[in-house]
Amino acid sequence: MMLIQWEIGKALTWVVTVVCPLTELYMKAAVRDAGAVAKVAAAYKSTKYVALGSRYIFQPIAVDKFGPVTDSTTTFLCVLG
């Protein structure tokens, strides 16, 4: 979590998830689209931490082991860096 205010008076918090598309959990998503596994992982984290939204800005950073990341991850890292 960043201790400074990021946007609209809220601090930023994020979680980094690296997923492997070869696991059984992500196999169906992996065959659909190269970036689908990262999207599924980011959606899971967003759901898991939905309660943070009232106090913090939450940003999931999801990376597929073989390279693809979500669009929101790319945008966030560009703004951050």
C-alpha atoms as a PDB file:
ATOM      1  CA  MET A   1       0.000   0.000   0.000  1.00  0.00           C
ATOM      2  CA  MET A   2       1.219   3.474  -0.800  1.00  0.00           C
ATOM      3  CA  LEU A   3       0.937   5.735   2.192  1.00  0.00           C
ATOM      4  CA  ILE A   4       0.376   8.847   0.116  1.00  0.00           C
ATOM      5  CA  GLN A   5      -2.981   9.676  -1.446  1.00  0.00           C
ATOM      6  CA  TRP A   6      -3.104   8.402  -4.996  1.00  0.00           C
ATOM      7  CA  GLU A   7      -6.464   9.574  -6.334  1.00  0.00           C
ATOM      8  CA  ILE A   8      -9.685  11.068  -4.985  1.00  0.00           C
ATOM      9  CA  GLY A   9      -8.242  11.186  -1.473  1.00  0.00           C
ATOM     10  CA  LYS A  10      -7.582   7.436  -1.292  1.00  0.00           C
ATOM     11  CA  ALA A  11      -4.331   5.541  -0.864  1.00  0.00           C
ATOM     12  CA  LEU A  12      -3.355   3.012  -3.508  1.00  0.00           C
ATOM     13  CA  THR A  13      -3.011  -0.663  -2.721  1.00  0.00           C
ATOM     14  CA  TRP A  14      -2.122  -3.418  -5.135  1.00  0.00           C
ATOM     15  CA  VAL A  15      -1.474  -7.135  -5.276  1.00  0.00           C
ATOM     16  CA  VAL A  16       0.808  -8.899  -7.747  1.00  0.00           C
ATOM     17  CA  THR A  17      -0.250 -12.294  -9.056  1.00  0.00           C
ATOM     18  CA  VAL A  18       1.810 -14.446 -11.416  1.00  0.00           C
ATOM     19  CA  VAL A  19      -0.189 -17.311 -12.873  1.00  0.00           C
ATOM     20  CA  CYS A  20       0.715 -20.339 -14.968  1.00  0.00           C
ATOM     21  CA  PRO A  21      -1.658 -21.078 -17.846  1.00  0.00           C
ATOM     22  CA  LEU A  22      -0.658 -24.759 -17.791  1.00  0.00           C
ATOM     23  CA  THR A  23      -2.446 -25.466 -14.511  1.00  0.00           C
ATOM     24  CA  GLU A  24      -5.822 -27.156 -14.641  1.00  0.00           C
ATOM     25  CA  LEU A  25      -7.494 -24.132 -13.074  1.00  0.00           C
ATOM     26  CA  TYR A  26      -6.546 -21.869 -16.012  1.00  0.00           C
ATOM     27  CA  MET A  27      -6.484 -24.330 -18.947  1.00  0.00           C
ATOM     28  CA  LYS A  28      -9.895 -23.347 -20.374  1.00  0.00           C
ATOM     29  CA  ALA A  29      -9.031 -19.661 -20.306  1.00  0.00           C
ATOM     30  CA  ALA A  30      -5.584 -20.293 -21.819  1.00  0.00           C
ATOM     31  CA  VAL A  31      -7.011 -21.835 -24.994  1.00  0.00           C
ATOM     32  CA  ARG A  32      -9.419 -18.929 -25.539  1.00  0.00           C
ATOM     33  CA  ASP A  33      -6.960 -16.058 -25.643  1.00  0.00           C
ATOM     34  CA  ALA A  34      -3.302 -15.355 -24.855  1.00  0.00           C
ATOM     35  CA  GLY A  35      -4.202 -12.782 -22.184  1.00  0.00           C
ATOM     36  CA  ALA A  36      -7.240 -14.554 -20.761  1.00  0.00           C
ATOM     37  CA  VAL A  37      -5.395 -16.221 -17.878  1.00  0.00           C
ATOM     38  CA  ALA A  38      -4.144 -12.892 -16.537  1.00  0.00           C
ATOM     39  CA  LYS A  39      -7.662 -11.445 -16.892  1.00  0.00           C
ATOM     40  CA  VAL A  40      -9.170 -14.333 -14.917  1.00  0.00           C
ATOM     41  CA  ALA A  41      -6.559 -13.927 -12.165  1.00  0.00           C
ATOM     42  CA  ALA A  42      -7.110 -10.155 -11.980  1.00  0.00           C
ATOM     43  CA  ALA A  43     -10.878 -10.626 -11.786  1.00  0.00           C
ATOM     44  CA  TYR A  44     -10.436 -13.138  -8.965  1.00  0.00           C
ATOM     45  CA  LYS A  45      -8.249 -10.737  -6.980  1.00  0.00           C
ATOM     46  CA  SER A  46     -10.657  -7.853  -7.574  1.00  0.00           C
ATOM     47  CA  THR A  47     -13.508  -9.977  -6.235  1.00  0.00           C
ATOM     48  CA  LYS A  48     -11.454 -11.182  -3.278  1.00  0.00           C
ATOM     49  CA  TYR A  49     -10.519  -7.647  -2.234  1.00  0.00           C
ATOM     50  CA  VAL A  50     -13.737  -5.833  -3.188  1.00  0.00           C
ATOM     51  CA  ALA A  51     -14.135  -4.567   0.393  1.00  0.00           C
ATOM     52  CA  LEU A  52     -11.009  -2.425  -0.014  1.00  0.00           C
ATOM     53  CA  GLY A  53     -12.780  -0.260  -2.578  1.00  0.00           C
ATOM     54  CA  SER A  54     -14.503   1.851   0.034  1.00  0.00           C
ATOM     55  CA  ARG A  55     -11.212   2.988   1.606  1.00  0.00           C
ATOM     56  CA  TYR A  56      -8.508   2.396  -0.994  1.00  0.00           C
ATOM     57  CA  ILE A  57      -7.951   2.333  -4.705  1.00  0.00           C
ATOM     58  CA  PHE A  58      -7.212  -1.306  -5.479  1.00  0.00           C
ATOM     59  CA  GLN A  59      -5.138  -2.358  -8.481  1.00  0.00           C
ATOM     60  CA  PRO A  60      -4.619  -6.021  -9.308  1.00  0.00           C
ATOM     61  CA  ILE A  61      -1.402  -6.683 -11.209  1.00  0.00           C
ATOM     62  CA  ALA A  62      -1.809 -10.009 -12.977  1.00  0.00           C
ATOM     63  CA  VAL A  63       0.936 -11.520 -15.100  1.00  0.00           C
ATOM     64  CA  ASP A  64       0.813 -14.731 -17.100  1.00  0.00           C
ATOM     65  CA  LYS A  65       3.986 -16.772 -16.555  1.00  0.00           C
ATOM     66  CA  PHE A  66       4.571 -16.701 -20.312  1.00  0.00           C
ATOM     67  CA  GLY A  67       4.217 -12.950 -20.688  1.00  0.00           C
ATOM     68  CA  PRO A  68       0.719 -11.558 -21.237  1.00  0.00           C
ATOM     69  CA  VAL A  69      -0.583  -9.021 -18.721  1.00  0.00           C
ATOM     70  CA  THR A  70      -3.946  -7.305 -18.420  1.00  0.00           C
ATOM     71  CA  ASP A  71      -4.567  -3.931 -20.031  1.00  0.00           C
ATOM     72  CA  SER A  72      -5.146  -2.369 -16.612  1.00  0.00           C
ATOM     73  CA  THR A  73      -1.750  -3.691 -15.443  1.00  0.00           C
ATOM     74  CA  THR A  74      -0.011  -2.129 -18.435  1.00  0.00           C
ATOM     75  CA  THR A  75      -1.785   1.190 -17.927  1.00  0.00           C
ATOM     76  CA  PHE A  76      -1.055   1.220 -14.189  1.00  0.00           C
ATOM     77  CA  LEU A  77       2.647   0.442 -14.643  1.00  0.00           C
ATOM     78  CA  CYS A  78       2.960   3.194 -17.255  1.00  0.00           C
ATOM     79  CA  VAL A  79       1.365   5.727 -14.904  1.00  0.00           C
ATOM     80  CA  LEU A  80       3.428   4.509 -11.950  1.00  0.00           C
ATOM     81  CA  GLY A  81       6.726   4.411 -13.723  1.00  0.00           C
END
